[in-house]
Amino acid sequence: MLSIGIKYCGGCNPKYDRRKFKQKLEEKFMCTFETAIEDKVYDIIIVLCGCTSACAEHYNLKFKYEKILIRSEEDYIKIVEMLNKYSNI
């Protein structure tokens, strides 16, 4: 089962519901989703930015496969494709 670290931005200018976005992923994929911490290595890091500024600090987060920045609801397809790619590992 993939371990997914979620990093949220500060939420100062959200253009979509980030919690709802994450909830859709949790319903679709059997992965472990948790708020990312710096001392842990995750399979994938998802940086849930509320807008296109993508100002969330994420450079110290460690991952095994990939890190993806989500800036809008339209990025849902990108993360679904990524999770499908690694789900059978």
PDB file of N, CA and C in Angstrom:
ATOM      1  N   MET A   1       0.847  -1.181   0.000  1.00  0.00           N
ATOM      2  CA  MET A   1       0.000   0.000   0.000  1.00  0.00           C
ATOM      3  C   MET A   1       0.889   1.240   0.000  1.00  0.00           C
ATOM      4  N   LEU A   2       0.593   2.156  -0.887  1.00  0.00           N
ATOM      5  CA  LEU A   2       1.375   3.384  -0.992  1.00  0.00           C
ATOM      6  C   LEU A   2       1.159   4.295   0.213  1.00  0.00           C
ATOM      7  N   SER A   3       2.235   4.918   0.649  1.00  0.00           N
ATOM      8  CA  SER A   3       2.114   5.951   1.680  1.00  0.00           C
ATOM      9  C   SER A   3       2.195   7.308   0.990  1.00  0.00           C
ATOM     10  N   ILE A   4       1.180   8.121   1.239  1.00  0.00           N
ATOM     11  CA  ILE A   4       1.062   9.422   0.595  1.00  0.00           C
ATOM     12  C   ILE A   4       1.149  10.509   1.657  1.00  0.00           C
ATOM     13  N   GLY A   5       2.120  11.384   1.511  1.00  0.00           N
ATOM     14  CA  GLY A   5       2.234  12.541   2.393  1.00  0.00           C
ATOM     15  C   GLY A   5       1.547  13.734   1.754  1.00  0.00           C
ATOM     16  N   ILE A   6       0.667  14.379   2.499  1.00  0.00           N
ATOM     17  CA  ILE A   6      -0.066  15.542   2.003  1.00  0.00           C
ATOM     18  C   ILE A   6       0.483  16.793   2.681  1.00  0.00           C
ATOM     19  N   LYS A   7       0.878  17.757   1.878  1.00  0.00           N
ATOM     20  CA  LYS A   7       1.305  19.063   2.387  1.00  0.00           C
ATOM     21  C   LYS A   7       0.297  20.098   1.905  1.00  0.00           C
ATOM     22  N   TYR A   8      -0.293  20.808   2.840  1.00  0.00           N
ATOM     23  CA  TYR A   8      -1.253  21.863   2.505  1.00  0.00           C
ATOM     24  C   TYR A   8      -0.558  23.220   2.523  1.00  0.00           C
ATOM     25  N   CYS A   9      -1.027  24.118   1.675  1.00  0.00           N
ATOM     26  CA  CYS A   9      -0.572  25.504   1.744  1.00  0.00           C
ATOM     27  C   CYS A   9      -1.295  26.168   2.922  1.00  0.00           C
ATOM     28  N   GLY A  10      -1.039  27.437   3.128  1.00  0.00           N
ATOM     29  CA  GLY A  10      -1.671  28.158   4.229  1.00  0.00           C
ATOM     30  C   GLY A  10      -3.142  28.468   4.027  1.00  0.00           C
ATOM     31  N   GLY A  11      -3.630  28.329   2.810  1.00  0.00           N
ATOM     32  CA  GLY A  11      -5.054  28.536   2.539  1.00  0.00           C
ATOM     33  C   GLY A  11      -5.478  29.993   2.490  1.00  0.00           C
ATOM     34  N   CYS A  12      -4.565  30.886   2.156  1.00  0.00           N
ATOM     35  CA  CYS A  12      -4.903  32.312   2.167  1.00  0.00           C
ATOM     36  C   CYS A  12      -5.781  32.734   0.986  1.00  0.00           C
ATOM     37  N   ASN A  13      -5.743  31.980  -0.112  1.00  0.00           N
ATOM     38  CA  ASN A  13      -6.498  32.372  -1.300  1.00  0.00           C
ATOM     39  C   ASN A  13      -6.997  31.133  -2.063  1.00  0.00           C
ATOM     40  N   PRO A  14      -7.692  30.216  -1.376  1.00  0.00           N
ATOM     41  CA  PRO A  14      -8.081  28.959  -2.034  1.00  0.00           C
ATOM     42  C   PRO A  14      -9.106  29.167  -3.145  1.00  0.00           C
ATOM     43  N   LYS A  15      -8.858  28.505  -4.267  1.00  0.00           N
ATOM     44  CA  LYS A  15      -9.757  28.574  -5.422  1.00  0.00           C
ATOM     45  C   LYS A  15     -10.607  27.308  -5.548  1.00  0.00           C
ATOM     46  N   TYR A  16     -10.351  26.319  -4.695  1.00  0.00           N
ATOM     47  CA  TYR A  16     -11.117  25.072  -4.689  1.00  0.00           C
ATOM     48  C   TYR A  16     -11.029  24.465  -3.290  1.00  0.00           C
ATOM     49  N   ASP A  17     -11.855  23.472  -3.026  1.00  0.00           N
ATOM     50  CA  ASP A  17     -11.907  22.835  -1.713  1.00  0.00           C
ATOM     51  C   ASP A  17     -10.850  21.731  -1.650  1.00  0.00           C
ATOM     52  N   ARG A  18      -9.745  22.002  -0.990  1.00  0.00           N
ATOM     53  CA  ARG A  18      -8.635  21.046  -0.919  1.00  0.00           C
ATOM     54  C   ARG A  18      -8.996  19.798  -0.133  1.00  0.00           C
ATOM     55  N   ARG A  19      -9.786  19.952   0.909  1.00  0.00           N
ATOM     56  CA  ARG A  19     -10.206  18.776   1.689  1.00  0.00           C
ATOM     57  C   ARG A  19     -11.073  17.847   0.849  1.00  0.00           C
ATOM     58  N   LYS A  20     -11.973  18.428   0.082  1.00  0.00           N
ATOM     59  CA  LYS A  20     -12.831  17.633  -0.798  1.00  0.00           C
ATOM     60  C   LYS A  20     -11.983  16.926  -1.862  1.00  0.00           C
ATOM     61  N   PHE A  21     -10.991  17.610  -2.382  1.00  0.00           N
ATOM     62  CA  PHE A  21     -10.070  17.040  -3.359  1.00  0.00           C
ATOM     63  C   PHE A  21      -9.390  15.799  -2.770  1.00  0.00           C
ATOM     64  N   LYS A  22      -8.859  15.941  -1.553  1.00  0.00           N
ATOM     65  CA  LYS A  22      -8.194  14.822  -0.877  1.00  0.00           C
ATOM     66  C   LYS A  22      -9.182  13.698  -0.601  1.00  0.00           C
ATOM     67  N   GLN A  23     -10.373  14.047  -0.195  1.00  0.00           N
ATOM     68  CA  GLN A  23     -11.396  13.045   0.101  1.00  0.00           C
ATOM     69  C   GLN A  23     -11.713  12.203  -1.140  1.00  0.00           C
ATOM     70  N   LYS A  24     -11.785  12.830  -2.296  1.00  0.00           N
ATOM     71  CA  LYS A  24     -12.020  12.091  -3.547  1.00  0.00           C
ATOM     72  C   LYS A  24     -10.901  11.081  -3.798  1.00  0.00           C
ATOM     73  N   LEU A  25      -9.672  11.470  -3.521  1.00  0.00           N
ATOM     74  CA  LEU A  25      -8.542  10.555  -3.691  1.00  0.00           C
ATOM     75  C   LEU A  25      -8.627   9.393  -2.708  1.00  0.00           C
ATOM     76  N   GLU A  26      -8.976   9.691  -1.462  1.00  0.00           N
ATOM     77  CA  GLU A  26      -9.091   8.640  -0.446  1.00  0.00           C
ATOM     78  C   GLU A  26     -10.169   7.631  -0.803  1.00  0.00           C
ATOM     79  N   GLU A  27     -11.249   8.099  -1.402  1.00  0.00           N
ATOM     80  CA  GLU A  27     -12.335   7.208  -1.797  1.00  0.00           C
ATOM     81  C   GLU A  27     -11.952   6.346  -3.000  1.00  0.00           C
ATOM     82  N   LYS A  28     -11.089   6.850  -3.854  1.00  0.00           N
ATOM     83  CA  LYS A  28     -10.722   6.143  -5.086  1.00  0.00           C
ATOM     84  C   LYS A  28      -9.552   5.175  -4.891  1.00  0.00           C
ATOM     85  N   PHE A  29      -8.622   5.498  -3.997  1.00  0.00           N
ATOM     86  CA  PHE A  29      -7.396   4.715  -3.861  1.00  0.00           C
ATOM     87  C   PHE A  29      -7.236   4.148  -2.456  1.00  0.00           C
ATOM     88  N   MET A  30      -6.754   2.914  -2.402  1.00  0.00           N
ATOM     89  CA  MET A  30      -6.432   2.271  -1.132  1.00  0.00           C
ATOM     90  C   MET A  30      -4.975   2.592  -0.798  1.00  0.00           C
ATOM     91  N   CYS A  31      -4.759   3.782  -0.315  1.00  0.00           N
ATOM     92  CA  CYS A  31      -3.430   4.249   0.075  1.00  0.00           C
ATOM     93  C   CYS A  31      -3.521   4.798   1.491  1.00  0.00           C
ATOM     94  N   THR A  32      -2.368   4.968   2.109  1.00  0.00           N
ATOM     95  CA  THR A  32      -2.303   5.628   3.401  1.00  0.00           C
ATOM     96  C   THR A  32      -2.038   7.108   3.149  1.00  0.00           C
ATOM     97  N   PHE A  33      -3.011   7.951   3.469  1.00  0.00           N
ATOM     98  CA  PHE A  33      -2.877   9.397   3.306  1.00  0.00           C
ATOM     99  C   PHE A  33      -2.677  10.021   4.685  1.00  0.00           C
ATOM    100  N   GLU A  34      -1.663  10.859   4.827  1.00  0.00           N
ATOM    101  CA  GLU A  34      -1.457  11.562   6.094  1.00  0.00           C
ATOM    102  C   GLU A  34      -0.771  12.897   5.832  1.00  0.00           C
ATOM    103  N   THR A  35      -0.905  13.788   6.786  1.00  0.00           N
ATOM    104  CA  THR A  35      -0.219  15.073   6.687  1.00  0.00           C
ATOM    105  C   THR A  35       1.284  14.818   6.716  1.00  0.00           C
ATOM    106  N   ALA A  36       1.989  15.355   5.741  1.00  0.00           N
ATOM    107  CA  ALA A  36       3.422  15.103   5.594  1.00  0.00           C
ATOM    108  C   ALA A  36       4.231  15.780   6.696  1.00  0.00           C
ATOM    109  N   ILE A  37       5.217  15.042   7.187  1.00  0.00           N
ATOM    110  CA  ILE A  37       6.183  15.580   8.142  1.00  0.00           C
ATOM    111  C   ILE A  37       7.582  15.403   7.546  1.00  0.00           C
ATOM    112  N   GLU A  38       8.506  16.244   7.944  1.00  0.00           N
ATOM    113  CA  GLU A  38       9.842  16.254   7.342  1.00  0.00           C
ATOM    114  C   GLU A  38      10.679  15.023   7.645  1.00  0.00           C
ATOM    115  N   ASP A  39      10.463  14.369   8.766  1.00  0.00           N
ATOM    116  CA  ASP A  39      11.325  13.258   9.167  1.00  0.00           C
ATOM    117  C   ASP A  39      10.934  11.916   8.561  1.00  0.00           C
ATOM    118  N   LYS A  40       9.914  11.878   7.744  1.00  0.00           N
ATOM    119  CA  LYS A  40       9.423  10.618   7.196  1.00  0.00           C
ATOM    120  C   LYS A  40       9.568  10.610   5.677  1.00  0.00           C
ATOM    121  N   VAL A  41       9.876   9.439   5.121  1.00  0.00           N
ATOM    122  CA  VAL A  41       9.946   9.271   3.670  1.00  0.00           C
ATOM    123  C   VAL A  41       8.636   8.637   3.210  1.00  0.00           C
ATOM    124  N   TYR A  42       7.968   9.300   2.290  1.00  0.00           N
ATOM    125  CA  TYR A  42       6.701   8.814   1.731  1.00  0.00           C
ATOM    126  C   TYR A  42       6.957   8.266   0.331  1.00  0.00           C
ATOM    127  N   ASP A  43       6.063   7.421  -0.136  1.00  0.00           N
ATOM    128  CA  ASP A  43       6.169   6.974  -1.525  1.00  0.00           C
ATOM    129  C   ASP A  43       5.926   8.153  -2.458  1.00  0.00           C
ATOM    130  N   ILE A  44       4.896   8.930  -2.161  1.00  0.00           N
ATOM    131  CA  ILE A  44       4.526  10.084  -2.975  1.00  0.00           C
ATOM    132  C   ILE A  44       4.179  11.247  -2.059  1.00  0.00           C
ATOM    133  N   ILE A  45       4.571  12.438  -2.461  1.00  0.00           N
ATOM    134  CA  ILE A  45       4.177  13.665  -1.767  1.00  0.00           C
ATOM    135  C   ILE A  45       3.201  14.410  -2.671  1.00  0.00           C
ATOM    136  N   ILE A  46       2.063  14.805  -2.106  1.00  0.00           N
ATOM    137  CA  ILE A  46       1.102  15.654  -2.807  1.00  0.00           C
ATOM    138  C   ILE A  46       1.084  16.993  -2.089  1.00  0.00           C
ATOM    139  N   VAL A  47       1.420  18.048  -2.812  1.00  0.00           N
ATOM    140  CA  VAL A  47       1.374  19.396  -2.255  1.00  0.00           C
ATOM    141  C   VAL A  47       0.071  20.019  -2.742  1.00  0.00           C
ATOM    142  N   LEU A  48      -0.887  20.164  -1.825  1.00  0.00           N
ATOM    143  CA  LEU A  48      -2.202  20.705  -2.171  1.00  0.00           C
ATOM    144  C   LEU A  48      -2.193  22.216  -1.996  1.00  0.00           C
ATOM    145  N   CYS A  49      -1.912  22.903  -3.083  1.00  0.00           N
ATOM    146  CA  CYS A  49      -1.895  24.363  -3.096  1.00  0.00           C
ATOM    147  C   CYS A  49      -3.291  24.858  -3.450  1.00  0.00           C
ATOM    148  N   GLY A  50      -3.753  25.873  -2.775  1.00  0.00           N
ATOM    149  CA  GLY A  50      -5.094  26.391  -3.016  1.00  0.00           C
ATOM    150  C   GLY A  50      -5.219  27.255  -4.251  1.00  0.00           C
ATOM    151  N   CYS A  51      -4.082  27.701  -4.783  1.00  0.00           N
ATOM    152  CA  CYS A  51      -4.115  28.565  -5.969  1.00  0.00           C
ATOM    153  C   CYS A  51      -2.836  28.368  -6.777  1.00  0.00           C
ATOM    154  N   THR A  52      -2.704  29.104  -7.841  1.00  0.00           N
ATOM    155  CA  THR A  52      -1.558  28.943  -8.734  1.00  0.00           C
ATOM    156  C   THR A  52      -0.252  29.519  -8.183  1.00  0.00           C
ATOM    157  N   SER A  53      -0.307  30.256  -7.085  1.00  0.00           N
ATOM    158  CA  SER A  53       0.932  30.769  -6.481  1.00  0.00           C
ATOM    159  C   SER A  53       1.819  29.642  -5.971  1.00  0.00           C
ATOM    160  N   ALA A  54       1.209  28.559  -5.523  1.00  0.00           N
ATOM    161  CA  ALA A  54       1.941  27.372  -5.043  1.00  0.00           C
ATOM    162  C   ALA A  54       3.040  27.750  -4.055  1.00  0.00           C
ATOM    163  N   CYS A  55       2.668  28.480  -3.011  1.00  0.00           N
ATOM    164  CA  CYS A  55       3.645  29.007  -2.060  1.00  0.00           C
ATOM    165  C   CYS A  55       3.954  28.058  -0.898  1.00  0.00           C
ATOM    166  N   ALA A  56       3.341  26.887  -0.864  1.00  0.00           N
ATOM    167  CA  ALA A  56       3.567  25.953   0.243  1.00  0.00           C
ATOM    168  C   ALA A  56       5.027  25.504   0.276  1.00  0.00           C
ATOM    169  N   GLU A  57       5.610  25.522   1.451  1.00  0.00           N
ATOM    170  CA  GLU A  57       6.989  25.073   1.647  1.00  0.00           C
ATOM    171  C   GLU A  57       7.008  23.543   1.607  1.00  0.00           C
ATOM    172  N   HIS A  58       7.721  22.976   0.644  1.00  0.00           N
ATOM    173  CA  HIS A  58       7.703  21.523   0.479  1.00  0.00           C
ATOM    174  C   HIS A  58       9.067  20.931   0.142  1.00  0.00           C
ATOM    175  N   TYR A  59      10.083  21.738   0.066  1.00  0.00           N
ATOM    176  CA  TYR A  59      11.383  21.274  -0.411  1.00  0.00           C
ATOM    177  C   TYR A  59      12.070  20.291   0.538  1.00  0.00           C
ATOM    178  N   ASN A  60      11.743  20.313   1.820  1.00  0.00           N
ATOM    179  CA  ASN A  60      12.368  19.405   2.781  1.00  0.00           C
ATOM    180  C   ASN A  60      11.627  18.083   2.932  1.00  0.00           C
ATOM    181  N   LEU A  61      10.525  17.914   2.228  1.00  0.00           N
ATOM    182  CA  LEU A  61       9.753  16.673   2.329  1.00  0.00           C
ATOM    183  C   LEU A  61      10.391  15.596   1.459  1.00  0.00           C
ATOM    184  N   LYS A  62      10.497  14.388   2.021  1.00  0.00           N
ATOM    185  CA  LYS A  62      11.198  13.294   1.344  1.00  0.00           C
ATOM    186  C   LYS A  62      10.202  12.320   0.721  1.00  0.00           C
ATOM    187  N   PHE A  63      10.560  11.833  -0.468  1.00  0.00           N
ATOM    188  CA  PHE A  63       9.690  10.889  -1.166  1.00  0.00           C
ATOM    189  C   PHE A  63      10.531   9.861  -1.920  1.00  0.00           C
ATOM    190  N   LYS A  64       9.916   8.712  -2.150  1.00  0.00           N
ATOM    191  CA  LYS A  64      10.577   7.612  -2.842  1.00  0.00           C
ATOM    192  C   LYS A  64      10.385   7.699  -4.356  1.00  0.00           C
ATOM    193  N   TYR A  65       9.167   8.015  -4.800  1.00  0.00           N
ATOM    194  CA  TYR A  65       8.854   7.997  -6.231  1.00  0.00           C
ATOM    195  C   TYR A  65       8.709   9.396  -6.832  1.00  0.00           C
ATOM    196  N   GLU A  66       7.712  10.138  -6.389  1.00  0.00           N
ATOM    197  CA  GLU A  66       7.451  11.445  -6.999  1.00  0.00           C
ATOM    198  C   GLU A  66       6.816  12.405  -6.005  1.00  0.00           C
ATOM    199  N   LYS A  67       6.930  13.686  -6.372  1.00  0.00           N
ATOM    200  CA  LYS A  67       6.212  14.757  -5.675  1.00  0.00           C
ATOM    201  C   LYS A  67       5.418  15.507  -6.738  1.00  0.00           C
ATOM    202  N   ILE A  68       4.181  15.875  -6.413  1.00  0.00           N
ATOM    203  CA  ILE A  68       3.348  16.592  -7.373  1.00  0.00           C
ATOM    204  C   ILE A  68       2.712  17.793  -6.698  1.00  0.00           C
ATOM    205  N   LEU A  69       2.708  18.917  -7.390  1.00  0.00           N
ATOM    206  CA  LEU A  69       2.041  20.126  -6.903  1.00  0.00           C
ATOM    207  C   LEU A  69       0.671  20.221  -7.553  1.00  0.00           C
ATOM    208  N   ILE A  70      -0.349  20.331  -6.734  1.00  0.00           N
ATOM    209  CA  ILE A  70      -1.726  20.475  -7.202  1.00  0.00           C
ATOM    210  C   ILE A  70      -2.109  21.931  -6.997  1.00  0.00           C
ATOM    211  N   ARG A  71      -2.504  22.601  -8.085  1.00  0.00           N
ATOM    212  CA  ARG A  71      -2.829  24.026  -8.021  1.00  0.00           C
ATOM    213  C   ARG A  71      -4.298  24.317  -8.285  1.00  0.00           C
ATOM    214  N   SER A  72      -5.024  23.300  -8.796  1.00  0.00           N
ATOM    215  CA  SER A  72      -6.443  23.498  -9.109  1.00  0.00           C
ATOM    216  C   SER A  72      -7.133  22.141  -9.199  1.00  0.00           C
ATOM    217  N   GLU A  73      -8.451  22.165  -9.237  1.00  0.00           N
ATOM    218  CA  GLU A  73      -9.217  20.927  -9.375  1.00  0.00           C
ATOM    219  C   GLU A  73      -8.900  20.213 -10.680  1.00  0.00           C
ATOM    220  N   GLU A  74      -8.490  20.951 -11.687  1.00  0.00           N
ATOM    221  CA  GLU A  74      -8.156  20.357 -12.977  1.00  0.00           C
ATOM    222  C   GLU A  74      -6.943  19.430 -12.887  1.00  0.00           C
ATOM    223  N   ASP A  75      -6.148  19.572 -11.837  1.00  0.00           N
ATOM    224  CA  ASP A  75      -4.981  18.706 -11.651  1.00  0.00           C
ATOM    225  C   ASP A  75      -5.358  17.316 -11.143  1.00  0.00           C
ATOM    226  N   TYR A  76      -6.629  17.076 -10.870  1.00  0.00           N
ATOM    227  CA  TYR A  76      -7.080  15.778 -10.363  1.00  0.00           C
ATOM    228  C   TYR A  76      -6.650  14.646 -11.303  1.00  0.00           C
ATOM    229  N   ILE A  77      -6.780  14.850 -12.591  1.00  0.00           N
ATOM    230  CA  ILE A  77      -6.414  13.826 -13.576  1.00  0.00           C
ATOM    231  C   ILE A  77      -4.932  13.462 -13.448  1.00  0.00           C
ATOM    232  N   LYS A  78      -4.071  14.461 -13.242  1.00  0.00           N
ATOM    233  CA  LYS A  78      -2.633  14.208 -13.108  1.00  0.00           C
ATOM    234  C   LYS A  78      -2.331  13.309 -11.915  1.00  0.00           C
ATOM    235  N   ILE A  79      -2.962  13.592 -10.783  1.00  0.00           N
ATOM    236  CA  ILE A  79      -2.667  12.795  -9.597  1.00  0.00           C
ATOM    237  C   ILE A  79      -3.266  11.402  -9.707  1.00  0.00           C
ATOM    238  N   VAL A  80      -4.428  11.276 -10.336  1.00  0.00           N
ATOM    239  CA  VAL A  80      -5.021   9.948 -10.545  1.00  0.00           C
ATOM    240  C   VAL A  80      -4.093   9.104 -11.416  1.00  0.00           C
ATOM    241  N   GLU A  81      -3.565   9.686 -12.479  1.00  0.00           N
ATOM    242  CA  GLU A  81      -2.637   8.959 -13.352  1.00  0.00           C
ATOM    243  C   GLU A  81      -1.381   8.540 -12.588  1.00  0.00           C
ATOM    244  N   MET A  82      -0.854   9.431 -11.749  1.00  0.00           N
ATOM    245  CA  MET A  82       0.335   9.099 -10.975  1.00  0.00           C
ATOM    246  C   MET A  82       0.056   7.971  -9.991  1.00  0.00           C
ATOM    247  N   LEU A  83      -1.037   8.059  -9.263  1.00  0.00           N
ATOM    248  CA  LEU A  83      -1.350   7.025  -8.283  1.00  0.00           C
ATOM    249  C   LEU A  83      -1.633   5.690  -8.960  1.00  0.00           C
ATOM    250  N   ASN A  84      -2.278   5.705 -10.106  1.00  0.00           N
ATOM    251  CA  ASN A  84      -2.484   4.464 -10.864  1.00  0.00           C
ATOM    252  C   ASN A  84      -1.152   3.851 -11.279  1.00  0.00           C
ATOM    253  N   LYS A  85      -0.217   4.685 -11.659  1.00  0.00           N
ATOM    254  CA  LYS A  85       1.109   4.234 -12.099  1.00  0.00           C
ATOM    255  C   LYS A  85       1.835   3.460 -11.001  1.00  0.00           C
ATOM    256  N   TYR A  86       1.717   3.922  -9.758  1.00  0.00           N
ATOM    257  CA  TYR A  86       2.463   3.319  -8.657  1.00  0.00           C
ATOM    258  C   TYR A  86       1.640   2.385  -7.776  1.00  0.00           C
ATOM    259  N   SER A  87       0.369   2.270  -7.998  1.00  0.00           N
ATOM    260  CA  SER A  87      -0.491   1.475  -7.115  1.00  0.00           C
ATOM    261  C   SER A  87      -0.143  -0.007  -7.090  1.00  0.00           C
ATOM    262  N   ASN A  88       0.450  -0.524  -8.136  1.00  0.00           N
ATOM    263  CA  ASN A  88       0.760  -1.956  -8.196  1.00  0.00           C
ATOM    264  C   ASN A  88       2.194  -2.284  -7.815  1.00  0.00           C
ATOM    265  N   ILE A  89       2.898  -1.328  -7.272  1.00  0.00           N
ATOM    266  CA  ILE A  89       4.304  -1.556  -6.882  1.00  0.00           C
ATOM    267  C   ILE A  89       4.352  -2.208  -5.521  1.00  0.00           C
TER     268      ILE A  89
END
